[in-house]
Amino acid sequence: MKVFGTYQFQDLKTKFQVKKPWDDVIIFILNILIAIPLFLIIHLNLKDPEWPFSFDRIVIAILLLLIIQLILRLIKTVLLLGIAVYFIFLIYGTIFGGYGFATVFQNYGFMIYSMTENPNPQDIVISKLLPFPNKTQIIKAIDFDNREVRNFALTATTLHFRDIKGQQKYRKMIQCFAVFKEIRNRWNYVNDPKGQEYIAYASESLLHFSGDCDDHAILMAACIRAIGGTPRLIHTGGHIYPEMLVGQKADLEAAVYLIKEVLFIDESKNKEIHYHIDERGQIWLNLDYTARYPGGPFMSEEILGALTLN
């Protein structure tokens, strides 16, 4: 019985064994295919120590490749079975909307692009923030549920970036970027009446697309919220500007790629992406009218207050 079992194992081993030099080629290819999603998982969940040239990620990638290579060589007698299981997993995800081929290579592209572009983060120290000026009036003026505000936001999403394909996961982000583009293209800066702080409703600003910084911030916040985004306003003493919630690190990587390679190519060429990180690790992109693209440069004044609109 033992001899028969040994014979069966040897027969199975012979059937699944790949002859040289193809075993080395297949091991190398499978190593790369397995390493990509594993590296993405590690990259997204490991705190970034901000080493120069992303050297920490290079070290992780090399170690991961070496470990996987060693494991694959130890189990190369059933290599074909391992390949089959791996591809079945990715094919299943591709067909049924899970983790498939497109997701692997899209996320990998976002990550590599973000690492090479080196976005410029700034933290906001919540304990140092002051009460937001005119808070009650501003919240009331952000009339995102107004019909005209909602309709304008919808119109903006049809005018810009409507034909972007393959980005269903980031559709809302792209639509918020469309709102930013339309408002910025039409905005005309006009001062308040002398000696008076005039706070215009978002629906009021739609009449002429004119006003000062707080009017622009109110309109931008209302339109973004009207299509499901999460905005907030930043107060710097002499200026108020809007920001948009992007999400976590993976979402930032997607945003950087979309802004610089798909949506705002000319405006963001050779420019950095600027953002704030809040106390919960969430990432917010600058949408000021002074910026030509989402994540454009901040005005240099110190941040005094933040008003989030959930």
Protein backbone atom coordinates (compact mmCIF):
# COMPACT_ATOMS: atom_id res chain seq x y z
CA MET A 1 0.00 0.00 0.00
CA LYS A 2 2.83 2.37 0.85
CA VAL A 3 4.59 1.50 -2.43
CA PHE A 4 1.40 2.15 -4.37
CA GLY A 5 0.97 5.57 -2.64
CA THR A 6 4.55 6.50 -3.42
CA TYR A 7 4.01 5.52 -7.06
CA GLN A 8 0.89 7.70 -7.25
CA PHE A 9 2.78 10.69 -5.84
CA GLN A 10 5.69 10.19 -8.24
CA ASP A 11 3.26 9.85 -11.16
CA LEU A 12 1.45 13.09 -10.15
CA LYS A 13 4.79 14.84 -9.71
CA THR A 14 5.89 13.80 -13.19
CA LYS A 15 2.65 15.01 -14.79
CA PHE A 16 2.81 18.51 -13.26
CA GLN A 17 6.56 18.98 -13.51
CA VAL A 18 7.70 21.53 -16.10
CA LYS A 19 10.85 20.80 -18.04
CA LYS A 20 13.85 23.17 -18.16
CA PRO A 21 14.31 25.95 -19.12
CA TRP A 22 10.56 26.64 -19.09
CA ASP A 23 10.30 26.04 -15.37
CA ASP A 24 12.55 29.06 -14.68
CA VAL A 25 10.61 31.23 -17.14
CA ILE A 26 7.23 30.29 -15.66
CA ILE A 27 8.49 30.78 -12.10
CA PHE A 28 9.74 34.27 -12.97
CA ILE A 29 6.45 35.28 -14.64
CA LEU A 30 4.36 33.84 -11.82
CA ASN A 31 6.59 35.60 -9.30
CA ILE A 32 5.86 38.97 -10.92
CA LEU A 33 2.11 38.28 -11.13
CA ILE A 34 1.89 37.28 -7.47
CA ALA A 35 4.20 40.04 -6.25
CA ILE A 36 2.18 42.88 -7.82
CA PRO A 37 -1.06 42.46 -5.77
CA LEU A 38 0.86 41.52 -2.61
CA PHE A 39 3.06 44.60 -2.96
CA LEU A 40 -0.04 46.77 -3.47
CA ILE A 41 -1.58 45.43 -0.26
CA ILE A 42 1.63 46.07 1.70
CA HIS A 43 2.11 49.51 0.12
CA LEU A 44 -1.42 50.68 0.96
CA ASN A 45 -1.37 49.43 4.56
CA LEU A 46 2.20 50.25 5.58
CA LYS A 47 2.92 53.74 6.91
CA ASP A 48 5.08 55.73 4.52
CA PRO A 49 8.37 56.74 6.24
CA GLU A 50 8.93 59.22 3.37
CA TRP A 51 12.41 57.98 2.49
CA PRO A 52 14.06 59.69 -0.51
CA PHE A 53 13.13 58.21 -3.91
CA SER A 54 10.64 55.85 -2.18
CA PHE A 55 13.65 53.66 -1.26
CA ASP A 56 11.64 51.79 1.39
CA ARG A 57 9.19 50.58 -1.27
CA ILE A 58 12.07 49.44 -3.48
CA VAL A 59 13.50 47.38 -0.61
CA ILE A 60 10.09 45.84 0.10
CA ALA A 61 9.61 44.96 -3.58
CA ILE A 62 13.02 43.26 -3.81
CA LEU A 63 12.48 41.25 -0.59
CA LEU A 64 9.02 40.22 -1.76
CA LEU A 65 10.35 39.01 -5.11
CA LEU A 66 13.11 37.00 -3.41
CA ILE A 67 10.73 35.36 -0.92
CA ILE A 68 8.16 34.45 -3.57
CA GLN A 69 10.93 33.13 -5.86
CA LEU A 70 12.16 30.84 -3.08
CA ILE A 71 8.66 29.57 -2.31
CA LEU A 72 7.86 28.91 -5.99
CA ARG A 73 11.06 26.93 -6.44
CA LEU A 74 10.15 24.77 -3.47
CA ILE A 75 6.74 23.95 -4.95
CA LYS A 76 7.64 23.96 -8.64
CA THR A 77 6.50 20.35 -9.05
CA VAL A 78 2.91 21.61 -8.88
CA LEU A 79 3.62 24.88 -10.63
CA LEU A 80 0.98 24.43 -13.32
CA LEU A 81 -1.65 23.89 -10.66
CA GLY A 82 -0.57 27.11 -8.89
CA ILE A 83 -0.78 29.08 -12.13
CA ALA A 84 -4.24 27.71 -12.82
CA VAL A 85 -5.53 28.66 -9.34
CA TYR A 86 -4.06 32.18 -9.62
CA PHE A 87 -5.58 32.86 -13.04
CA ILE A 88 -8.94 31.41 -12.01
CA PHE A 89 -8.98 33.87 -9.09
CA LEU A 90 -8.25 36.86 -11.35
CA ILE A 91 -10.64 35.70 -14.09
CA TYR A 92 -13.42 35.29 -11.52
CA GLY A 93 -12.79 38.81 -10.21
CA THR A 94 -12.73 40.24 -13.73
CA ILE A 95 -16.05 38.63 -14.70
CA PHE A 96 -17.95 39.29 -11.48
CA GLY A 97 -16.58 42.74 -10.67
CA GLY A 98 -14.10 41.78 -7.97
CA TYR A 99 -10.32 41.94 -7.86
CA GLY A 100 -9.37 41.17 -11.46
CA PHE A 101 -6.69 41.86 -14.04
CA ALA A 102 -7.79 45.45 -14.69
CA THR A 103 -7.79 46.29 -10.96
CA VAL A 104 -4.30 44.88 -10.45
CA PHE A 105 -2.70 46.85 -13.25
CA GLN A 106 -4.71 50.02 -12.67
CA ASN A 107 -3.80 50.15 -8.96
CA TYR A 108 -0.18 49.36 -9.77
CA GLY A 109 -0.13 52.19 -12.31
CA PHE A 110 -1.67 54.64 -9.80
CA MET A 111 0.91 53.69 -7.16
CA ILE A 112 3.95 53.96 -9.44
CA TYR A 113 2.75 57.30 -10.84
CA SER A 114 2.08 58.73 -7.39
CA MET A 115 5.52 57.64 -6.13
CA THR A 116 7.27 59.35 -9.05
CA GLU A 117 5.15 62.51 -8.84
CA ASN A 118 5.79 63.04 -5.10
CA PRO A 119 2.63 64.92 -3.96
CA ASN A 120 3.07 67.67 -1.39
CA PRO A 121 1.16 66.97 1.86
CA GLN A 122 0.49 69.34 4.75
CA ASP A 123 -0.98 68.40 8.12
CA ILE A 124 -3.58 70.51 9.90
CA VAL A 125 -3.13 70.68 13.67
CA ILE A 126 -6.73 70.53 14.90
CA SER A 127 -5.89 71.64 18.44
CA LYS A 128 -4.66 74.98 17.09
CA LEU A 129 -7.77 75.81 15.05
CA LEU A 130 -10.01 78.71 16.01
CA PRO A 131 -13.83 78.99 15.74
CA PHE A 132 -14.86 79.43 12.11
CA PRO A 133 -16.00 83.02 11.38
CA ASN A 134 -19.64 83.55 10.32
CA LYS A 135 -20.17 79.79 10.63
CA THR A 136 -23.96 79.87 10.91
CA GLN A 137 -24.37 82.23 7.96
CA ILE A 138 -22.00 80.24 5.77
CA ILE A 139 -23.67 76.89 6.51
CA LYS A 140 -27.03 78.44 5.66
CA ALA A 141 -25.61 79.92 2.44
CA ILE A 142 -24.40 76.49 1.26
CA ASP A 143 -27.85 75.64 -0.10
CA PHE A 144 -26.82 72.42 -1.84
CA ASP A 145 -30.43 71.18 -1.91
CA ASN A 146 -31.52 74.18 -3.98
CA ARG A 147 -32.84 73.11 -7.41
CA GLU A 148 -30.69 75.57 -9.36
CA VAL A 149 -27.54 74.51 -7.50
CA ARG A 150 -28.21 70.84 -8.14
CA ASN A 151 -29.01 71.44 -11.80
CA PHE A 152 -25.85 73.48 -12.34
CA ALA A 153 -23.72 70.74 -10.78
CA LEU A 154 -25.36 68.16 -13.02
CA THR A 155 -24.72 70.34 -16.06
CA ALA A 156 -21.03 70.62 -15.14
CA THR A 157 -20.71 66.82 -15.05
CA THR A 158 -22.07 66.60 -18.60
CA LEU A 159 -19.82 69.37 -19.93
CA HIS A 160 -16.53 67.96 -18.61
CA PHE A 161 -15.00 64.47 -18.37
CA ARG A 162 -18.22 62.64 -19.20
CA ASP A 163 -16.50 60.31 -21.66
CA ILE A 164 -13.73 59.09 -19.33
CA LYS A 165 -13.77 55.29 -19.54
CA GLY A 166 -12.73 52.56 -17.11
CA GLN A 167 -12.89 54.67 -13.94
CA GLN A 168 -16.23 53.61 -12.45
CA LYS A 169 -14.74 53.42 -8.96
CA TYR A 170 -13.72 57.08 -9.13
CA ARG A 171 -16.75 58.42 -11.00
CA LYS A 172 -17.83 60.72 -8.15
CA MET A 173 -14.31 62.11 -7.81
CA ILE A 174 -14.18 62.85 -11.54
CA GLN A 175 -17.59 64.54 -11.42
CA CYS A 176 -16.46 66.75 -8.54
CA PHE A 177 -13.42 67.68 -10.61
CA ALA A 178 -15.81 68.61 -13.43
CA VAL A 179 -17.66 70.96 -11.07
CA PHE A 180 -14.35 72.55 -10.07
CA LYS A 181 -13.40 73.08 -13.72
CA GLU A 182 -16.71 74.68 -14.68
CA ILE A 183 -16.82 77.06 -11.71
CA ARG A 184 -13.19 78.04 -12.07
CA ASN A 185 -13.60 78.73 -15.79
CA ARG A 186 -16.51 81.07 -15.11
CA TRP A 187 -15.58 82.71 -11.81
CA ASN A 188 -15.05 86.48 -11.69
CA TYR A 189 -13.54 87.86 -8.48
CA VAL A 190 -15.42 90.90 -7.14
CA ASN A 191 -14.89 92.49 -3.72
CA ASP A 192 -17.60 92.85 -1.09
CA PRO A 193 -19.19 96.28 -0.56
CA LYS A 194 -16.74 98.57 1.25
CA GLY A 195 -16.78 98.02 5.00
CA GLN A 196 -19.23 95.10 4.81
CA GLU A 197 -18.87 91.31 4.82
CA TYR A 198 -21.41 90.12 2.26
CA ILE A 199 -22.07 86.36 2.24
CA ALA A 200 -23.88 85.22 -0.89
CA TYR A 201 -25.95 82.05 -1.08
CA ALA A 202 -24.65 79.48 -3.56
CA SER A 203 -27.87 79.81 -5.57
CA GLU A 204 -27.34 83.59 -5.67
CA SER A 205 -23.76 83.27 -6.97
CA LEU A 206 -25.06 81.20 -9.90
CA LEU A 207 -26.62 84.35 -11.38
CA HIS A 208 -23.30 86.01 -12.27
CA PHE A 209 -20.53 83.64 -11.08
CA SER A 210 -18.98 86.61 -9.32
CA GLY A 211 -17.97 87.41 -5.76
CA ASP A 212 -15.06 87.17 -3.36
CA CYS A 213 -13.29 84.12 -1.92
CA ASP A 214 -15.98 83.11 0.56
CA ASP A 215 -18.66 83.34 -2.15
CA HIS A 216 -16.58 81.06 -4.37
CA ALA A 217 -15.96 78.61 -1.52
CA ILE A 218 -19.67 78.50 -0.67
CA LEU A 219 -20.68 77.84 -4.28
CA MET A 220 -18.02 75.16 -4.74
CA ALA A 221 -18.96 73.42 -1.49
CA ALA A 222 -22.68 73.48 -2.31
CA CYS A 223 -22.19 72.05 -5.82
CA ILE A 224 -19.85 69.29 -4.66
CA ARG A 225 -22.23 68.29 -1.89
CA ALA A 226 -25.15 68.40 -4.36
CA ILE A 227 -23.59 65.48 -6.30
CA GLY A 228 -22.57 63.42 -3.29
CA GLY A 229 -19.09 64.74 -2.53
CA THR A 230 -17.81 65.87 0.87
CA PRO A 231 -16.45 69.44 0.93
CA ARG A 232 -15.02 71.61 3.66
CA LEU A 233 -13.96 75.24 3.96
CA ILE A 234 -10.56 76.41 5.22
CA HIS A 235 -10.16 79.82 6.92
CA THR A 236 -6.74 81.50 6.92
CA GLY A 237 -7.58 84.89 8.37
CA GLY A 238 -7.67 86.88 5.14
CA HIS A 239 -8.94 84.10 2.91
CA ILE A 240 -11.46 81.23 2.73
CA TYR A 241 -11.12 78.40 0.24
CA PRO A 242 -12.81 75.02 -0.39
CA GLU A 243 -11.37 71.53 -0.21
CA MET A 244 -12.75 68.17 -1.27
CA LEU A 245 -12.45 64.86 0.56
CA VAL A 246 -10.50 62.37 -1.57
CA GLY A 247 -10.26 59.52 0.93
CA GLN A 248 -7.25 57.42 1.83
CA LYS A 249 -3.82 56.81 0.31
CA ALA A 250 -5.05 54.63 -2.56
CA ASP A 251 -7.63 57.26 -3.48
CA LEU A 252 -4.95 59.96 -3.50
CA GLU A 253 -2.83 57.88 -5.86
CA ALA A 254 -5.79 57.57 -8.22
CA ALA A 255 -6.49 61.32 -7.95
CA VAL A 256 -2.88 62.23 -8.76
CA TYR A 257 -2.93 60.01 -11.85
CA LEU A 258 -6.31 61.31 -13.05
CA ILE A 259 -5.39 64.97 -12.55
CA LYS A 260 -1.98 64.83 -14.19
CA GLU A 261 -2.50 62.22 -16.91
CA VAL A 262 -6.19 62.37 -17.83
CA LEU A 263 -8.15 65.44 -16.72
CA PHE A 264 -5.85 68.45 -16.16
CA ILE A 265 -2.78 67.53 -18.19
CA ASP A 266 -1.77 71.00 -19.35
CA GLU A 267 -2.74 72.83 -16.15
CA SER A 268 -0.79 70.46 -13.89
CA LYS A 269 2.25 69.84 -16.08
CA ASN A 270 5.44 69.85 -13.98
CA LYS A 271 3.37 70.90 -10.94
CA GLU A 272 2.88 69.26 -7.53
CA ILE A 273 -0.39 68.06 -6.06
CA HIS A 274 -1.08 69.81 -2.72
CA TYR A 275 -3.35 68.36 -0.07
CA HIS A 276 -4.08 68.32 3.65
CA ILE A 277 -4.24 65.30 5.96
CA ASP A 278 -6.71 65.59 8.82
CA GLU A 279 -6.56 64.03 12.29
CA ARG A 280 -8.19 60.81 10.98
CA GLY A 281 -5.70 60.39 8.16
CA GLN A 282 -8.19 61.48 5.52
CA ILE A 283 -6.90 63.39 2.51
CA TRP A 284 -8.37 66.70 1.26
CA LEU A 285 -7.52 68.36 -2.06
CA ASN A 286 -7.30 72.12 -2.50
CA LEU A 287 -10.05 73.54 -4.79
CA ASP A 288 -9.30 77.26 -4.46
CA TYR A 289 -10.14 79.55 -7.37
CA THR A 290 -6.44 80.53 -7.36
CA ALA A 291 -5.54 76.94 -8.35
CA ARG A 292 -5.70 75.94 -12.02
CA TYR A 293 -6.24 72.28 -11.18
CA PRO A 294 -7.49 70.28 -8.15
CA GLY A 295 -4.63 70.12 -5.68
CA GLY A 296 -3.06 73.35 -6.92
CA PRO A 297 -0.78 75.45 -4.64
CA PHE A 298 -2.17 76.73 -1.34
CA MET A 299 -2.09 80.38 -0.46
CA SER A 300 0.71 80.80 2.06
CA GLU A 301 -1.34 82.09 5.00
CA GLU A 302 -1.54 80.03 8.21
CA ILE A 303 -4.69 77.92 8.63
CA LEU A 304 -6.91 79.20 11.43
CA GLY A 305 -10.13 77.22 11.02
CA ALA A 306 -11.81 74.35 9.16
CA LEU A 307 -15.54 73.82 8.52
CA THR A 308 -16.46 70.31 7.34
CA LEU A 309 -19.80 69.70 5.63
CA ASN A 310 -20.80 66.04 6.01
